[in-house]
Protein backbone atom coordinates (compact mmCIF):
# COMPACT_ATOMS: atom_id res chain seq x y z
CA UNK A 1 128.42 129.04 179.93
CA UNK A 2 125.62 126.65 179.02
CA UNK A 3 122.41 126.81 180.99
CA UNK A 4 120.42 123.90 182.46
CA UNK A 5 119.24 121.33 179.91
CA UNK A 6 115.54 120.55 179.84
CA UNK A 7 114.39 117.15 178.58
CA UNK A 8 110.93 117.25 177.02
CA UNK A 9 109.17 113.98 177.69
CA UNK A 10 106.21 114.73 175.49
CA UNK A 11 106.16 116.93 172.45
CA UNK A 12 103.25 116.93 170.04
CA UNK A 13 104.79 116.61 166.60
CA UNK A 14 102.68 116.32 163.49
CA UNK A 15 103.93 113.97 160.83
CA UNK A 16 104.95 116.55 158.31
CA UNK A 17 105.36 115.67 154.66
CA UNK A 18 108.87 116.76 153.76
CA UNK A 19 110.36 117.02 150.28
CA UNK A 20 114.08 117.41 149.72
CA UNK A 21 115.53 119.23 146.72
CA UNK A 22 119.07 117.94 146.33
CA UNK A 23 119.89 120.48 143.65
CA UNK A 24 118.99 123.51 145.75
CA UNK A 25 119.88 121.84 149.07
CA UNK A 26 116.61 122.70 150.77
CA UNK A 27 113.83 120.74 152.49
CA UNK A 28 110.22 121.80 152.04
CA UNK A 29 107.55 121.12 154.66
CA UNK A 30 104.24 121.23 152.78
CA UNK A 31 102.15 121.12 155.97
CA UNK A 32 103.78 124.13 157.58
CA UNK A 33 104.61 125.74 154.21
CA UNK A 34 108.21 126.26 155.23
CA UNK A 35 111.45 125.81 153.31
CA UNK A 36 114.53 124.85 155.31
CA UNK A 37 118.17 125.51 154.48
CA UNK A 38 120.10 122.22 154.34
CA UNK A 39 123.54 122.79 152.87
CA UNK A 40 126.94 122.22 154.47
CA UNK A 41 126.80 125.60 156.20
CA UNK A 42 124.11 124.27 158.55
CA UNK A 43 126.64 121.90 160.09
CA UNK A 44 129.67 124.18 159.94
CA UNK A 45 128.72 127.75 160.84
CA UNK A 46 128.42 128.69 164.52
CA UNK A 47 127.58 132.16 165.80
CA UNK A 48 126.19 133.89 168.84
CA UNK A 49 122.46 134.55 168.96
CA UNK A 50 122.34 138.10 167.52
CA UNK A 51 124.79 137.21 164.75
CA UNK A 52 122.72 134.11 163.95
CA UNK A 53 119.67 136.32 163.40
CA UNK A 54 121.70 138.67 161.20
CA UNK A 55 123.19 135.75 159.26
CA UNK A 56 119.78 134.39 158.27
CA UNK A 57 118.37 137.80 157.40
CA UNK A 58 121.35 138.49 155.11
CA UNK A 59 121.42 135.00 153.58
CA UNK A 60 121.16 134.81 149.79
CA UNK A 61 120.52 131.13 149.15
CA UNK A 62 118.59 128.99 146.64
CA UNK A 63 117.53 132.12 144.78
CA UNK A 64 115.92 133.85 147.79
CA UNK A 65 116.88 136.52 150.31
CA UNK A 66 113.95 136.31 152.73
CA UNK A 67 115.43 133.78 155.16
CA UNK A 68 115.08 134.08 158.93
CA UNK A 69 116.07 132.28 162.13
CA UNK A 70 113.31 129.75 163.04
CA UNK A 71 111.43 129.90 166.32
CA UNK A 72 111.71 127.05 168.81
CA UNK A 73 108.44 125.37 167.75
CA UNK A 74 109.51 125.35 164.10
CA UNK A 75 112.73 123.60 165.08
CA UNK A 76 110.76 121.08 167.15
CA UNK A 77 108.69 120.22 164.07
CA UNK A 78 111.65 118.71 162.19
CA UNK A 79 112.68 116.27 164.93
CA UNK A 80 112.24 112.50 164.62
CA UNK A 81 112.33 110.46 167.87
CA UNK A 82 112.71 107.18 165.97
CA UNK A 83 116.21 108.21 164.94
CA UNK A 84 119.34 108.41 167.06
CA UNK A 85 122.31 110.75 166.71
CA UNK A 86 120.80 112.88 165.34
CA UNK A 87 117.07 113.02 166.03
CA UNK A 88 116.22 115.00 162.90
CA UNK A 89 114.00 113.92 160.03
CA UNK A 90 115.76 111.85 157.40
CA UNK A 91 115.25 114.41 154.62
CA UNK A 92 117.89 116.60 156.29
CA UNK A 93 121.36 115.54 155.16
CA UNK A 94 123.49 118.16 156.91
CA UNK A 95 123.70 118.15 160.70
CA UNK A 96 126.53 118.93 163.10
CA UNK A 97 128.42 115.74 163.91
CA UNK A 98 130.63 116.22 166.94
CA UNK A 99 131.17 113.92 169.89
CA UNK A 100 129.05 114.82 172.90
CA UNK A 101 131.08 116.18 175.79
CA UNK A 102 130.11 117.44 179.22
CA UNK A 103 130.78 121.04 178.24
CA UNK A 104 129.16 120.97 174.81
CA UNK A 105 125.68 120.43 173.46
CA UNK A 106 125.51 117.96 170.56
CA UNK A 107 123.86 119.55 167.52
CA UNK A 108 122.62 122.67 169.27
CA UNK A 109 120.75 125.04 166.94
CA UNK A 110 119.70 128.57 167.81
CA UNK A 111 116.04 129.49 167.72
CA UNK A 112 114.76 133.05 167.47
CA UNK A 113 112.83 132.51 170.73
CA UNK A 114 114.29 134.85 173.33
CA UNK A 115 113.72 134.40 177.07
CA UNK A 116 115.19 137.66 178.27
CA UNK A 117 118.04 140.03 177.50
CA UNK A 118 120.61 137.33 178.30
CA UNK A 119 119.20 133.95 177.21
CA UNK A 120 117.49 132.29 174.23
CA UNK A 121 116.21 128.82 173.39
CA UNK A 122 118.32 126.19 171.63
CA UNK A 123 117.09 122.86 170.20
CA UNK A 124 119.51 119.93 170.35
CA UNK A 125 119.20 116.97 167.99
CA UNK A 126 120.77 114.21 170.10
CA UNK A 127 119.54 110.75 171.02
CA UNK A 128 115.98 109.39 170.86
CA UNK A 129 114.62 112.16 173.03
CA UNK A 130 114.40 115.89 172.44
CA UNK A 131 116.51 118.21 174.51
CA UNK A 132 115.67 121.84 174.80
CA UNK A 133 118.40 124.12 176.15
CA UNK A 134 118.53 127.62 177.48
CA UNK A 135 121.80 129.20 176.41
CA UNK A 136 123.42 132.56 176.93
CA UNK A 137 123.09 134.73 173.82
CA UNK A 138 126.83 135.28 173.75
CA UNK A 139 127.47 131.54 173.24
CA UNK A 140 128.04 130.01 169.81
CA UNK A 141 125.59 127.51 168.32
CA UNK A 142 124.75 126.19 164.87
CA UNK A 143 122.28 127.83 162.52
CA UNK A 144 119.61 126.43 160.21
CA UNK A 145 117.64 129.18 158.46
CA UNK A 146 114.05 128.90 157.26
CA UNK A 147 111.71 130.86 155.00
CA UNK A 148 107.96 130.94 154.48
CA UNK A 149 106.65 129.36 151.31
CA UNK A 150 107.84 126.93 148.72
CA UNK A 151 110.81 127.51 146.48
CA UNK A 152 109.74 127.54 142.86
CA UNK A 153 110.74 124.88 140.37
CA UNK A 154 114.15 125.51 138.89
CA UNK A 155 112.74 126.73 135.58
CA UNK A 156 110.84 129.58 137.29
CA UNK A 157 113.76 130.90 139.32
CA UNK A 158 115.12 134.26 138.21
CA UNK A 159 118.83 134.00 137.41
CA UNK A 160 121.15 136.95 136.94
CA UNK A 161 122.54 137.38 133.43
CA UNK A 162 125.50 139.59 132.57
CA UNK A 163 127.66 139.92 129.50
CA UNK A 164 131.00 141.34 128.41
CA UNK A 165 132.34 142.15 124.98
CA UNK A 166 134.25 139.43 123.16
CA UNK A 167 134.82 141.73 120.19
CA UNK A 168 132.75 144.33 118.34
CA UNK A 169 129.92 141.92 117.51
CA UNK A 170 130.28 138.89 119.79
CA UNK A 171 129.81 138.85 123.56
CA UNK A 172 130.39 136.47 126.46
CA UNK A 173 127.20 135.86 128.48
CA UNK A 174 127.32 134.58 132.08
CA UNK A 175 124.21 133.31 133.88
CA UNK A 176 124.28 132.67 137.64
CA UNK A 177 121.59 131.11 139.79
CA UNK A 178 120.45 127.58 140.68
CA UNK A 179 119.10 124.47 138.99
CA UNK A 180 120.86 124.66 135.62
CA UNK A 181 120.79 120.91 134.94
CA UNK A 182 122.49 120.12 131.62
CA UNK A 183 120.70 117.61 129.37
CA UNK A 184 121.34 116.36 125.86
CA UNK A 185 119.38 119.29 124.41
CA UNK A 186 120.99 121.95 126.59
CA UNK A 187 121.85 125.14 124.75
CA UNK A 188 122.18 128.89 125.08
CA UNK A 189 120.89 131.25 122.40
CA UNK A 190 120.63 134.96 121.73
CA UNK A 191 117.71 135.92 119.50
CA UNK A 192 117.51 132.29 118.40
CA UNK A 193 121.19 132.08 117.44
CA UNK A 194 123.22 129.41 119.35
CA UNK A 195 126.13 130.58 121.49
CA UNK A 196 129.25 128.54 122.18
CA UNK A 197 129.03 126.97 125.68
CA UNK A 198 132.39 127.11 127.47
CA UNK A 199 131.23 126.01 130.94
CA UNK A 200 127.99 124.72 132.45
CA UNK A 201 127.26 123.63 136.00
CA UNK A 202 124.35 123.70 138.41
CA UNK A 203 124.87 127.35 139.37
CA UNK A 204 126.65 128.99 136.43
CA UNK A 205 126.58 128.94 132.64
CA UNK A 206 129.16 130.73 130.49
CA UNK A 207 128.49 131.12 126.76
CA UNK A 208 130.76 132.83 124.23
CA UNK A 209 130.27 134.10 120.68
CA UNK A 210 126.79 135.45 121.48
CA UNK A 211 125.53 138.13 119.05
CA UNK A 212 124.61 140.97 121.45
CA UNK A 213 123.39 144.10 119.69
CA UNK A 214 121.05 145.69 122.22
CA UNK A 215 117.61 144.60 123.40
CA UNK A 216 118.42 140.93 122.88
CA UNK A 217 116.72 137.78 124.15
CA UNK A 218 119.05 135.33 125.90
CA UNK A 219 117.62 131.82 126.45
CA UNK A 220 119.29 128.92 128.29
CA UNK A 221 117.57 125.56 127.83
CA UNK A 222 118.22 123.27 130.81
CA UNK A 223 116.95 119.90 132.04
CA UNK A 224 114.21 121.67 133.98
CA UNK A 225 113.00 124.09 131.34
CA UNK A 226 114.11 127.37 129.82
CA UNK A 227 115.40 130.52 131.45
CA UNK A 228 115.01 133.68 129.40
CA UNK A 229 116.36 137.16 129.98
CA UNK A 230 116.04 140.35 127.96
CA UNK A 231 119.31 142.28 127.77
CA UNK A 232 119.76 146.03 127.44
CA UNK A 233 116.18 147.09 126.79
CA UNK A 234 116.34 150.05 129.13
CA UNK A 235 113.01 150.65 130.84
CA UNK A 236 111.00 148.70 128.29
CA UNK A 237 108.14 146.70 129.77
CA UNK A 238 105.00 144.86 128.70
CA UNK A 239 103.22 148.19 128.85
CA UNK A 240 103.60 151.59 130.40
CA UNK A 241 99.91 151.87 131.29
CA UNK A 242 98.22 149.54 133.81
CA UNK A 243 96.15 146.82 132.15
CA UNK A 244 97.51 147.31 128.64
CA UNK A 245 98.92 144.26 126.90
CA UNK A 246 99.10 144.84 123.17
CA UNK A 247 98.67 142.04 120.66
CA UNK A 248 101.62 141.56 118.32
CA UNK A 249 101.45 139.43 115.17
CA UNK A 250 103.64 139.11 112.10
CA UNK A 251 103.46 137.82 108.55
CA UNK A 252 106.00 137.13 105.83
CA UNK A 253 107.48 139.97 103.86
CA UNK A 254 109.98 137.55 102.30
CA UNK A 255 112.14 134.71 103.64
CA UNK A 256 114.01 136.91 106.10
CA UNK A 257 111.98 140.09 106.56
CA UNK A 258 108.58 140.20 108.24
CA UNK A 259 105.69 142.61 108.62
CA UNK A 260 104.74 143.20 112.27
CA UNK A 261 101.35 144.51 113.40
CA UNK A 262 100.71 145.68 116.96
CA UNK A 263 97.17 146.39 118.12
CA UNK A 264 96.04 147.90 121.40
CA UNK A 265 95.73 151.48 122.66
CA UNK A 266 97.90 154.34 123.80
CA UNK A 267 100.48 154.14 121.01
CA UNK A 268 101.20 157.88 120.90
CA UNK A 269 103.90 158.72 118.35
CA UNK A 270 106.68 161.07 119.46
CA UNK A 271 109.86 162.41 117.91
CA UNK A 272 111.87 159.37 119.05
CA UNK A 273 109.24 156.75 118.24
CA UNK A 274 110.49 153.63 116.50
CA UNK A 275 110.01 149.87 116.16
CA UNK A 276 112.90 147.44 116.58
CA UNK A 277 113.51 143.69 116.52
CA UNK A 278 116.60 142.61 118.46
CA UNK A 279 117.82 146.19 118.28
CA UNK A 280 117.40 146.43 114.48
CA UNK A 281 115.12 149.24 113.34
CA UNK A 282 112.08 148.25 111.26
CA UNK A 283 110.42 150.41 108.61
CA UNK A 284 107.18 151.88 110.04
CA UNK A 285 104.45 152.08 107.39
CA UNK A 286 101.57 153.20 109.61
CA UNK A 287 101.18 154.44 113.18
CA UNK A 288 98.04 155.36 115.05
CA UNK A 289 96.92 155.35 118.68
CA UNK A 290 95.56 151.78 118.34
CA UNK A 291 97.70 150.18 115.62
CA UNK A 292 101.30 150.12 114.44
CA UNK A 293 102.48 148.38 111.27
CA UNK A 294 106.19 147.91 110.63
CA UNK A 295 107.87 146.20 107.67
CA UNK A 296 111.34 144.82 106.99
CA UNK A 297 111.67 143.36 110.50
CA UNK A 298 114.31 140.58 110.85
CA UNK A 299 112.37 137.75 112.55
CA UNK A 300 114.41 134.58 113.13
CA UNK A 301 112.80 132.96 116.18
CA UNK A 302 112.77 134.06 119.83
CA UNK A 303 113.02 137.72 118.91
CA UNK A 304 112.58 140.83 121.03
CA UNK A 305 110.09 143.27 119.54
CA UNK A 306 110.06 146.79 121.01
CA UNK A 307 107.81 149.68 120.04
CA UNK A 308 108.97 152.99 121.53
CA UNK A 309 106.01 155.37 121.83
CA UNK A 310 105.51 158.84 123.28
CA UNK A 311 104.25 157.17 126.49
CA UNK A 312 107.11 154.69 126.84
CA UNK A 313 108.08 151.29 125.45
CA UNK A 314 106.08 148.15 124.76
CA UNK A 315 108.07 144.95 124.62
CA UNK A 316 107.07 141.51 123.36
CA UNK A 317 108.93 138.22 122.90
CA UNK A 318 108.07 136.46 119.63
CA UNK A 319 108.23 132.68 119.16
CA UNK A 320 110.21 131.86 122.30
CA UNK A 321 108.32 128.65 123.15
């Protein structure tokens, strides 16, 4: 049963500068440094109070998993009294749209603000005034999740990349995430070699005939920039010792093969030490604690160089600009 409705005659609302991202379906408030969920779920999903909290905390949306249920003041901050049905800022495109009836609150959204063990605060986006309700926690209301901070530009989001064998040499690569706008120069490559695109949309790219051999560099070039992912390099990292970042250069051996030189420190040589490019083993001509020289390395552009030392692996991407 709904509790008494409270009409707030005066609410101090700052004029926030809101930016909508239609691709990710979020609205960013750069004054409060908050990002709001604004997809169709915000007008469709209704839950009781505890399930609303759990829903936001479990939400995986727009590349993030740190969503939460907003407090009542945060919900107040996105209202706009100059608008009617609903009184929410124009950047928000998804809002519950049901006829107002005596037994139902129009556009009621749960806040995380609890009054006691039974009741919590709800903000209703109705006519050109703001209505604040107290509702029983067992009741069902709509949910609009929020997170602290700005969502990165599409090109800096971290997509998931998986692959499956097509045959012995070729693989099918699938990339899932957000913001994969397809332009005239859109492509997917592995170690600089183009794959065959079979499907491409805003959240998923599927590419076939990709030459996966182990420790490969997959790059998808979208409207918003490039996403890159290193595949099957085990525990390889930029360095296994804090602060180390070796310098890797290469020069021509001939048209196809290159000589790679890595300078730094901590390059202990063990029984399994080796140097590879895109999983192909190079010929090591010298190895010391501060310098490794390897010849006959197949450099073709956007290559993955890995030096496996006694301490661990150093990995470097070459010419992936």
